[in-house]
C-alpha atoms as a PDB file:
ATOM      1  CA  UNK A   1      22.636 -38.921   0.307  1.00  0.00           C
ATOM      2  CA  UNK A   2      19.440 -40.759   1.218  1.00  0.00           C
ATOM      3  CA  UNK A   3      16.712 -40.113   3.786  1.00  0.00           C
ATOM      4  CA  UNK A   4      13.251 -41.610   4.333  1.00  0.00           C
ATOM      5  CA  UNK A   5      10.130 -41.613   6.458  1.00  0.00           C
ATOM      6  CA  UNK A   6       9.177 -44.893   8.128  1.00  0.00           C
ATOM      7  CA  UNK A   7       5.872 -45.908   9.688  1.00  0.00           C
ATOM      8  CA  UNK A   8       2.613 -47.787   9.291  1.00  0.00           C
ATOM      9  CA  UNK A   9       0.393 -46.669   7.653  1.00  0.00           C
ATOM     10  CA  UNK A  10       2.655 -44.455   5.557  1.00  0.00           C
ATOM     11  CA  UNK A  11       1.057 -44.015   2.105  1.00  0.00           C
ATOM     12  CA  UNK A  12      -0.577 -40.728   3.143  1.00  0.00           C
ATOM     13  CA  UNK A  13       2.676 -39.141   4.359  1.00  0.00           C
ATOM     14  CA  UNK A  14       3.599 -35.788   2.864  1.00  0.00           C
ATOM     15  CA  UNK A  15       7.101 -35.904   4.342  1.00  0.00           C
ATOM     16  CA  UNK A  16       8.724 -36.844   1.001  1.00  0.00           C
ATOM     17  CA  UNK A  17       7.432 -33.755  -0.819  1.00  0.00           C
ATOM     18  CA  UNK A  18       8.410 -31.558   2.147  1.00  0.00           C
ATOM     19  CA  UNK A  19      11.946 -32.859   2.491  1.00  0.00           C
ATOM     20  CA  UNK A  20      12.572 -32.934  -1.263  1.00  0.00           C
ATOM     21  CA  UNK A  21      11.380 -29.324  -1.462  1.00  0.00           C
ATOM     22  CA  UNK A  22      13.746 -28.480   1.376  1.00  0.00           C
ATOM     23  CA  UNK A  23      16.679 -30.149  -0.377  1.00  0.00           C
ATOM     24  CA  UNK A  24      15.898 -28.243  -3.574  1.00  0.00           C
ATOM     25  CA  UNK A  25      15.797 -24.997  -1.579  1.00  0.00           C
ATOM     26  CA  UNK A  26      19.283 -25.831  -0.262  1.00  0.00           C
ATOM     27  CA  UNK A  27      20.622 -26.936  -3.650  1.00  0.00           C
ATOM     28  CA  UNK A  28      21.073 -30.568  -2.560  1.00  0.00           C
ATOM     29  CA  UNK A  29      20.590 -33.516  -4.891  1.00  0.00           C
ATOM     30  CA  UNK A  30      19.359 -35.823  -2.135  1.00  0.00           C
ATOM     31  CA  UNK A  31      16.637 -38.493  -2.175  1.00  0.00           C
ATOM     32  CA  UNK A  32      13.842 -39.029   0.355  1.00  0.00           C
ATOM     33  CA  UNK A  33      11.837 -42.237   0.348  1.00  0.00           C
ATOM     34  CA  UNK A  34       8.718 -43.604   2.034  1.00  0.00           C
ATOM     35  CA  UNK A  35       8.735 -47.098   3.611  1.00  0.00           C
ATOM     36  CA  UNK A  36       5.937 -49.070   5.252  1.00  0.00           C
ATOM     37  CA  UNK A  37       7.614 -50.433   8.388  1.00  0.00           C
ATOM     38  CA  UNK A  38       5.961 -52.122  11.384  1.00  0.00           C
ATOM     39  CA  UNK A  39       7.425 -52.115  14.903  1.00  0.00           C
ATOM     40  CA  UNK A  40       8.917 -55.579  14.560  1.00  0.00           C
ATOM     41  CA  UNK A  41      10.616 -54.652  11.264  1.00  0.00           C
ATOM     42  CA  UNK A  42      12.333 -51.416  12.317  1.00  0.00           C
ATOM     43  CA  UNK A  43      15.531 -52.820  13.797  1.00  0.00           C
ATOM     44  CA  UNK A  44      16.221 -55.078  10.818  1.00  0.00           C
ATOM     45  CA  UNK A  45      15.536 -52.273   8.332  1.00  0.00           C
ATOM     46  CA  UNK A  46      17.868 -49.806  10.042  1.00  0.00           C
ATOM     47  CA  UNK A  47      20.630 -52.371  10.500  1.00  0.00           C
ATOM     48  CA  UNK A  48      20.877 -52.833   6.712  1.00  0.00           C
ATOM     49  CA  UNK A  49      21.365 -49.144   5.891  1.00  0.00           C
ATOM     50  CA  UNK A  50      24.821 -48.081   4.730  1.00  0.00           C
ATOM     51  CA  UNK A  51      26.673 -44.786   5.072  1.00  0.00           C
ATOM     52  CA  UNK A  52      24.823 -43.212   2.150  1.00  0.00           C
ATOM     53  CA  UNK A  53      21.888 -42.768   4.534  1.00  0.00           C
ATOM     54  CA  UNK A  54      21.824 -39.414   6.368  1.00  0.00           C
ATOM     55  CA  UNK A  55      18.602 -39.620   8.352  1.00  0.00           C
ATOM     56  CA  UNK A  56      15.194 -41.127   9.015  1.00  0.00           C
ATOM     57  CA  UNK A  57      11.854 -39.630   9.998  1.00  0.00           C
ATOM     58  CA  UNK A  58       9.791 -41.875  12.279  1.00  0.00           C
ATOM     59  CA  UNK A  59       6.025 -41.723  12.562  1.00  0.00           C
ATOM     60  CA  UNK A  60       3.375 -43.975  14.090  1.00  0.00           C
ATOM     61  CA  UNK A  61       4.010 -46.506  15.554  1.00  0.00           C
ATOM     62  CA  UNK A  62       7.823 -46.243  15.640  1.00  0.00           C
ATOM     63  CA  UNK A  63       8.664 -43.213  17.785  1.00  0.00           C
ATOM     64  CA  UNK A  64       9.235 -45.139  21.019  1.00  0.00           C
ATOM     65  CA  UNK A  65      11.086 -47.961  19.264  1.00  0.00           C
ATOM     66  CA  UNK A  66      13.414 -45.406  17.669  1.00  0.00           C
ATOM     67  CA  UNK A  67      14.976 -44.671  21.047  1.00  0.00           C
ATOM     68  CA  UNK A  68      16.147 -48.252  21.436  1.00  0.00           C
ATOM     69  CA  UNK A  69      17.997 -48.204  18.096  1.00  0.00           C
ATOM     70  CA  UNK A  70      19.971 -45.041  18.708  1.00  0.00           C
ATOM     71  CA  UNK A  71      23.569 -44.985  19.853  1.00  0.00           C
ATOM     72  CA  UNK A  72      22.941 -41.568  21.385  1.00  0.00           C
ATOM     73  CA  UNK A  73      19.635 -40.012  22.490  1.00  0.00           C
ATOM     74  CA  UNK A  74      19.071 -36.259  22.717  1.00  0.00           C
ATOM     75  CA  UNK A  75      17.885 -35.119  26.166  1.00  0.00           C
ATOM     76  CA  UNK A  76      14.589 -33.815  24.806  1.00  0.00           C
ATOM     77  CA  UNK A  77      13.825 -37.102  23.027  1.00  0.00           C
ATOM     78  CA  UNK A  78      14.637 -39.014  26.211  1.00  0.00           C
ATOM     79  CA  UNK A  79      12.393 -36.759  28.279  1.00  0.00           C
ATOM     80  CA  UNK A  80       9.495 -37.217  25.847  1.00  0.00           C
ATOM     81  CA  UNK A  81      10.133 -40.942  25.560  1.00  0.00           C
ATOM     82  CA  UNK A  82       9.997 -40.927  21.797  1.00  0.00           C
ATOM     83  CA  UNK A  83      12.102 -40.023  18.759  1.00  0.00           C
ATOM     84  CA  UNK A  84      10.688 -38.886  15.440  1.00  0.00           C
ATOM     85  CA  UNK A  85      14.153 -38.330  13.956  1.00  0.00           C
ATOM     86  CA  UNK A  86      17.237 -40.499  13.551  1.00  0.00           C
ATOM     87  CA  UNK A  87      20.385 -38.840  12.199  1.00  0.00           C
ATOM     88  CA  UNK A  88      23.483 -40.746  11.091  1.00  0.00           C
ATOM     89  CA  UNK A  89      26.739 -39.236  12.280  1.00  0.00           C
ATOM     90  CA  UNK A  90      30.084 -41.031  12.054  1.00  0.00           C
ATOM     91  CA  UNK A  91      28.399 -44.363  11.413  1.00  0.00           C
ATOM     92  CA  UNK A  92      26.191 -44.038  14.508  1.00  0.00           C
ATOM     93  CA  UNK A  93      22.534 -43.094  14.899  1.00  0.00           C
ATOM     94  CA  UNK A  94      21.471 -40.140  17.050  1.00  0.00           C
ATOM     95  CA  UNK A  95      17.827 -39.777  18.143  1.00  0.00           C
ATOM     96  CA  UNK A  96      15.962 -36.462  18.329  1.00  0.00           C
ATOM     97  CA  UNK A  97      12.397 -35.273  18.801  1.00  0.00           C
ATOM     98  CA  UNK A  98      11.533 -32.330  16.549  1.00  0.00           C
ATOM     99  CA  UNK A  99       7.799 -32.613  17.291  1.00  0.00           C
ATOM    100  CA  UNK A 100       8.460 -30.635  20.475  1.00  0.00           C
ATOM    101  CA  UNK A 101       9.938 -27.784  18.456  1.00  0.00           C
ATOM    102  CA  UNK A 102       7.012 -27.996  16.035  1.00  0.00           C
ATOM    103  CA  UNK A 103       4.470 -27.577  18.816  1.00  0.00           C
ATOM    104  CA  UNK A 104       6.583 -24.840  20.414  1.00  0.00           C
ATOM    105  CA  UNK A 105       6.491 -22.866  17.166  1.00  0.00           C
ATOM    106  CA  UNK A 106       2.689 -23.114  17.068  1.00  0.00           C
ATOM    107  CA  UNK A 107       2.368 -22.010  20.699  1.00  0.00           C
ATOM    108  CA  UNK A 108       4.709 -19.052  20.157  1.00  0.00           C
ATOM    109  CA  UNK A 109       2.282 -17.718  17.557  1.00  0.00           C
ATOM    110  CA  UNK A 110      -0.510 -17.423  20.143  1.00  0.00           C
ATOM    111  CA  UNK A 111      -0.952 -14.184  22.060  1.00  0.00           C
ATOM    112  CA  UNK A 112      -2.228 -16.069  25.100  1.00  0.00           C
ATOM    113  CA  UNK A 113      -2.502 -19.715  26.088  1.00  0.00           C
ATOM    114  CA  UNK A 114      -5.427 -20.593  28.337  1.00  0.00           C
ATOM    115  CA  UNK A 115      -6.085 -24.020  29.792  1.00  0.00           C
ATOM    116  CA  UNK A 116      -5.298 -26.932  27.477  1.00  0.00           C
ATOM    117  CA  UNK A 117      -6.762 -30.389  26.930  1.00  0.00           C
ATOM    118  CA  UNK A 118      -4.818 -33.156  25.175  1.00  0.00           C
ATOM    119  CA  UNK A 119      -6.464 -36.298  23.826  1.00  0.00           C
ATOM    120  CA  UNK A 120      -4.072 -39.255  23.951  1.00  0.00           C
ATOM    121  CA  UNK A 121      -0.835 -40.040  25.738  1.00  0.00           C
ATOM    122  CA  UNK A 122       1.566 -41.329  23.094  1.00  0.00           C
ATOM    123  CA  UNK A 123       4.808 -39.755  21.882  1.00  0.00           C
ATOM    124  CA  UNK A 124       3.065 -36.920  20.019  1.00  0.00           C
ATOM    125  CA  UNK A 125       1.015 -36.000  23.095  1.00  0.00           C
ATOM    126  CA  UNK A 126       4.151 -36.010  25.220  1.00  0.00           C
ATOM    127  CA  UNK A 127       5.890 -33.740  22.699  1.00  0.00           C
ATOM    128  CA  UNK A 128       3.019 -31.260  23.083  1.00  0.00           C
ATOM    129  CA  UNK A 129       3.375 -31.478  26.870  1.00  0.00           C
ATOM    130  CA  UNK A 130       7.093 -30.750  26.743  1.00  0.00           C
ATOM    131  CA  UNK A 131       6.407 -27.695  24.583  1.00  0.00           C
ATOM    132  CA  UNK A 132       3.696 -26.520  27.004  1.00  0.00           C
ATOM    133  CA  UNK A 133       5.814 -26.888  30.137  1.00  0.00           C
ATOM    134  CA  UNK A 134       7.223 -23.301  30.071  1.00  0.00           C
ATOM    135  CA  UNK A 135       3.720 -21.792  30.029  1.00  0.00           C
ATOM    136  CA  UNK A 136       1.382 -21.175  32.969  1.00  0.00           C
ATOM    137  CA  UNK A 137      -1.504 -23.107  31.440  1.00  0.00           C
ATOM    138  CA  UNK A 138      -3.250 -25.921  33.278  1.00  0.00           C
ATOM    139  CA  UNK A 139      -3.101 -29.039  31.121  1.00  0.00           C
ATOM    140  CA  UNK A 140      -5.559 -31.951  31.222  1.00  0.00           C
ATOM    141  CA  UNK A 141      -4.530 -35.181  29.500  1.00  0.00           C
ATOM    142  CA  UNK A 142      -7.193 -37.750  28.629  1.00  0.00           C
ATOM    143  CA  UNK A 143      -5.749 -41.257  28.604  1.00  0.00           C
ATOM    144  CA  UNK A 144      -7.108 -44.552  27.361  1.00  0.00           C
ATOM    145  CA  UNK A 145      -4.496 -46.460  29.392  1.00  0.00           C
ATOM    146  CA  UNK A 146      -3.132 -45.727  32.868  1.00  0.00           C
ATOM    147  CA  UNK A 147       0.322 -47.101  32.003  1.00  0.00           C
ATOM    148  CA  UNK A 148       1.118 -43.779  30.262  1.00  0.00           C
ATOM    149  CA  UNK A 149       0.887 -41.699  33.455  1.00  0.00           C
ATOM    150  CA  UNK A 150       4.563 -41.867  34.466  1.00  0.00           C
ATOM    151  CA  UNK A 151       5.809 -40.945  30.986  1.00  0.00           C
ATOM    152  CA  UNK A 152       3.269 -38.109  30.772  1.00  0.00           C
ATOM    153  CA  UNK A 153       4.511 -36.639  34.070  1.00  0.00           C
ATOM    154  CA  UNK A 154       8.128 -36.948  32.948  1.00  0.00           C
ATOM    155  CA  UNK A 155       7.426 -35.138  29.677  1.00  0.00           C
ATOM    156  CA  UNK A 156       5.825 -32.282  31.608  1.00  0.00           C
ATOM    157  CA  UNK A 157       8.849 -31.923  33.859  1.00  0.00           C
ATOM    158  CA  UNK A 158       7.792 -34.200  36.684  1.00  0.00           C
ATOM    159  CA  UNK A 159       4.792 -34.010  39.002  1.00  0.00           C
ATOM    160  CA  UNK A 160       3.068 -30.655  38.605  1.00  0.00           C
ATOM    161  CA  UNK A 161       0.004 -29.010  40.061  1.00  0.00           C
ATOM    162  CA  UNK A 162      -0.681 -27.763  36.520  1.00  0.00           C
ATOM    163  CA  UNK A 163      -1.081 -31.300  35.139  1.00  0.00           C
ATOM    164  CA  UNK A 164      -4.355 -33.203  35.480  1.00  0.00           C
ATOM    165  CA  UNK A 165      -4.651 -36.825  34.347  1.00  0.00           C
ATOM    166  CA  UNK A 166      -8.199 -37.608  33.232  1.00  0.00           C
ATOM    167  CA  UNK A 167      -9.905 -40.863  32.302  1.00  0.00           C
ATOM    168  CA  UNK A 168     -10.766 -41.344  28.628  1.00  0.00           C
ATOM    169  CA  UNK A 169     -14.455 -41.687  29.532  1.00  0.00           C
ATOM    170  CA  UNK A 170     -14.399 -38.051  30.694  1.00  0.00           C
ATOM    171  CA  UNK A 171     -13.120 -36.706  27.368  1.00  0.00           C
ATOM    172  CA  UNK A 172     -16.249 -34.636  26.694  1.00  0.00           C
ATOM    173  CA  UNK A 173     -14.845 -32.222  29.292  1.00  0.00           C
ATOM    174  CA  UNK A 174     -11.930 -31.519  26.923  1.00  0.00           C
ATOM    175  CA  UNK A 175     -14.298 -29.223  25.021  1.00  0.00           C
ATOM    176  CA  UNK A 176     -14.365 -26.886  28.024  1.00  0.00           C
ATOM    177  CA  UNK A 177     -10.768 -25.700  27.561  1.00  0.00           C
ATOM    178  CA  UNK A 178      -9.796 -22.945  25.082  1.00  0.00           C
ATOM    179  CA  UNK A 179      -7.085 -25.075  23.440  1.00  0.00           C
ATOM    180  CA  UNK A 180      -7.762 -28.687  22.448  1.00  0.00           C
ATOM    181  CA  UNK A 181      -5.048 -30.922  20.985  1.00  0.00           C
ATOM    182  CA  UNK A 182      -5.865 -34.337  19.532  1.00  0.00           C
ATOM    183  CA  UNK A 183      -3.046 -36.858  19.099  1.00  0.00           C
ATOM    184  CA  UNK A 184      -5.284 -39.912  18.726  1.00  0.00           C
ATOM    185  CA  UNK A 185      -5.503 -42.258  15.722  1.00  0.00           C
ATOM    186  CA  UNK A 186      -8.021 -41.569  12.961  1.00  0.00           C
ATOM    187  CA  UNK A 187     -11.590 -41.957  14.252  1.00  0.00           C
ATOM    188  CA  UNK A 188     -10.759 -42.252  17.948  1.00  0.00           C
ATOM    189  CA  UNK A 189     -12.200 -38.848  18.849  1.00  0.00           C
ATOM    190  CA  UNK A 190     -15.062 -38.640  16.354  1.00  0.00           C
ATOM    191  CA  UNK A 191     -17.652 -39.306  19.048  1.00  0.00           C
ATOM    192  CA  UNK A 192     -17.056 -35.822  20.461  1.00  0.00           C
ATOM    193  CA  UNK A 193     -18.955 -34.492  17.452  1.00  0.00           C
ATOM    194  CA  UNK A 194     -22.117 -35.872  19.036  1.00  0.00           C
ATOM    195  CA  UNK A 195     -21.395 -33.954  22.231  1.00  0.00           C
ATOM    196  CA  UNK A 196     -20.958 -30.730  20.261  1.00  0.00           C
ATOM    197  CA  UNK A 197     -24.143 -31.205  18.256  1.00  0.00           C
ATOM    198  CA  UNK A 198     -26.149 -32.231  21.322  1.00  0.00           C
ATOM    199  CA  UNK A 199     -25.013 -29.060  23.099  1.00  0.00           C
ATOM    200  CA  UNK A 200     -25.058 -31.020  26.357  1.00  0.00           C
ATOM    201  CA  UNK A 201     -22.101 -28.931  27.511  1.00  0.00           C
ATOM    202  CA  UNK A 202     -21.165 -25.397  26.636  1.00  0.00           C
ATOM    203  CA  UNK A 203     -18.281 -25.873  24.185  1.00  0.00           C
ATOM    204  CA  UNK A 204     -15.514 -23.366  24.933  1.00  0.00           C
ATOM    205  CA  UNK A 205     -12.856 -24.583  22.498  1.00  0.00           C
ATOM    206  CA  UNK A 206     -11.320 -21.618  20.670  1.00  0.00           C
ATOM    207  CA  UNK A 207      -8.443 -23.421  18.952  1.00  0.00           C
ATOM    208  CA  UNK A 208      -8.160 -27.048  17.865  1.00  0.00           C
ATOM    209  CA  UNK A 209      -4.892 -28.682  16.804  1.00  0.00           C
ATOM    210  CA  UNK A 210      -5.211 -32.128  15.228  1.00  0.00           C
ATOM    211  CA  UNK A 211      -2.041 -34.140  14.650  1.00  0.00           C
ATOM    212  CA  UNK A 212      -3.818 -35.883  11.754  1.00  0.00           C
ATOM    213  CA  UNK A 213      -3.901 -34.553   8.196  1.00  0.00           C
ATOM    214  CA  UNK A 214      -4.531 -37.570   5.958  1.00  0.00           C
ATOM    215  CA  UNK A 215      -8.350 -37.649   5.894  1.00  0.00           C
ATOM    216  CA  UNK A 216      -8.902 -33.938   6.374  1.00  0.00           C
ATOM    217  CA  UNK A 217     -10.923 -32.411   7.777  1.00  0.00           C
ATOM    218  CA  UNK A 218     -11.620 -34.939  10.494  1.00  0.00           C
ATOM    219  CA  UNK A 219     -15.235 -34.954  11.739  1.00  0.00           C
ATOM    220  CA  UNK A 220     -14.161 -33.245  14.978  1.00  0.00           C
ATOM    221  CA  UNK A 221     -12.194 -30.569  13.107  1.00  0.00           C
ATOM    222  CA  UNK A 222     -15.145 -29.959  10.786  1.00  0.00           C
ATOM    223  CA  UNK A 223     -17.609 -29.669  13.655  1.00  0.00           C
ATOM    224  CA  UNK A 224     -15.447 -27.243  15.638  1.00  0.00           C
ATOM    225  CA  UNK A 225     -14.676 -25.181  12.536  1.00  0.00           C
ATOM    226  CA  UNK A 226     -18.393 -24.758  11.890  1.00  0.00           C
ATOM    227  CA  UNK A 227     -18.691 -23.286  15.380  1.00  0.00           C
ATOM    228  CA  UNK A 228     -16.066 -20.654  14.577  1.00  0.00           C
ATOM    229  CA  UNK A 229     -13.126 -22.413  16.233  1.00  0.00           C
ATOM    230  CA  UNK A 230      -9.658 -21.872  14.749  1.00  0.00           C
ATOM    231  CA  UNK A 231      -8.542 -25.258  13.432  1.00  0.00           C
ATOM    232  CA  UNK A 232      -5.021 -26.399  12.532  1.00  0.00           C
ATOM    233  CA  UNK A 233      -4.377 -29.680  10.764  1.00  0.00           C
ATOM    234  CA  UNK A 234      -1.326 -31.843  11.295  1.00  0.00           C
ATOM    235  CA  UNK A 235       0.193 -30.211   8.201  1.00  0.00           C
ATOM    236  CA  UNK A 236       1.171 -27.214  10.312  1.00  0.00           C
ATOM    237  CA  UNK A 237       2.979 -29.376  12.853  1.00  0.00           C
ATOM    238  CA  UNK A 238       4.477 -31.433  10.014  1.00  0.00           C
ATOM    239  CA  UNK A 239       6.039 -28.367   8.412  1.00  0.00           C
ATOM    240  CA  UNK A 240       7.460 -26.890  11.605  1.00  0.00           C
ATOM    241  CA  UNK A 241       9.019 -30.159  12.769  1.00  0.00           C
ATOM    242  CA  UNK A 242      10.336 -30.909   9.266  1.00  0.00           C
ATOM    243  CA  UNK A 243      12.310 -27.646   9.215  1.00  0.00           C
ATOM    244  CA  UNK A 244      14.352 -28.841  12.192  1.00  0.00           C
ATOM    245  CA  UNK A 245      14.652 -32.360  10.759  1.00  0.00           C
ATOM    246  CA  UNK A 246      16.156 -30.935   7.575  1.00  0.00           C
ATOM    247  CA  UNK A 247      18.594 -28.877   9.623  1.00  0.00           C
ATOM    248  CA  UNK A 248      19.659 -31.931  11.639  1.00  0.00           C
ATOM    249  CA  UNK A 249      19.978 -34.277   8.666  1.00  0.00           C
ATOM    250  CA  UNK A 250      21.851 -31.885   6.350  1.00  0.00           C
ATOM    251  CA  UNK A 251      23.939 -30.115   9.041  1.00  0.00           C
ATOM    252  CA  UNK A 252      23.307 -26.891   7.119  1.00  0.00           C
ATOM    253  CA  UNK A 253      22.105 -23.556   8.431  1.00  0.00           C
ATOM    254  CA  UNK A 254      19.429 -21.551   6.601  1.00  0.00           C
ATOM    255  CA  UNK A 255      16.847 -18.832   7.083  1.00  0.00           C
ATOM    256  CA  UNK A 256      14.059 -20.319   9.229  1.00  0.00           C
ATOM    257  CA  UNK A 257      11.230 -18.218   7.848  1.00  0.00           C
ATOM    258  CA  UNK A 258      12.242 -18.722   4.230  1.00  0.00           C
ATOM    259  CA  UNK A 259      12.372 -22.483   4.706  1.00  0.00           C
ATOM    260  CA  UNK A 260       8.997 -22.505   6.491  1.00  0.00           C
ATOM    261  CA  UNK A 261       7.378 -20.535   3.662  1.00  0.00           C
ATOM    262  CA  UNK A 262       8.919 -22.895   1.093  1.00  0.00           C
ATOM    263  CA  UNK A 263       7.635 -25.994   2.906  1.00  0.00           C
ATOM    264  CA  UNK A 264       4.137 -24.593   3.485  1.00  0.00           C
ATOM    265  CA  UNK A 265       3.910 -24.013  -0.261  1.00  0.00           C
ATOM    266  CA  UNK A 266       5.125 -27.552  -0.953  1.00  0.00           C
ATOM    267  CA  UNK A 267       2.744 -29.265   1.481  1.00  0.00           C
ATOM    268  CA  UNK A 268      -0.295 -27.821  -0.316  1.00  0.00           C
ATOM    269  CA  UNK A 269       0.724 -29.148  -3.736  1.00  0.00           C
END
């Protein structure tokens, strides 16, 4: 059977080595490819795939477009407004969002979640919001475009007095919350380094999660790490969400912790 990760840019993706390691762990002789696909090319690419294809991983900028291609959309993917996983079942495509489960796994490892700031409002940010909804934390989301507000509120379970929508120009205030999550493209949040170095505000960030992992560490991750902040790269999220993707695509059950350990070893190679 065949699987692949699609997106643009895609050359940096470590999904192939993760999924292939997962298949080896399960004793499967499956393939997993990497394809550079733009938004306008996704529908045509998927339409040409035959029944030897079991699943697709979708990354930037295809997560929202993936919903439109699916014959059936999981409730969580619909709530988030984005799919990072397409699974072929009976000749039809089903859409899922395993990013939510990836974030949830990270949050479960924390003894306490204080207030949270999220940079960005795309599908990855909304996955983090959905995973945060069960907690009591106040969440501030810094948006570059107001058109994301409705989808942000939906991902967080509707209008909530725990959700604060902030303008992108106010993003320096994100450094005042104990947990900071960046879901922005490479370079979009680098200017916060100047705020940290200038010490114009008292930085209170204790944990920083960056969805990026290609050019690591990012300037913001490096700056916060030097201040003693716990920093997680996108590799952590990538592993946790990939475990569920492998389960969905193979329809096999396995020991969660053993698979996680196997994939964490593979992602560092």
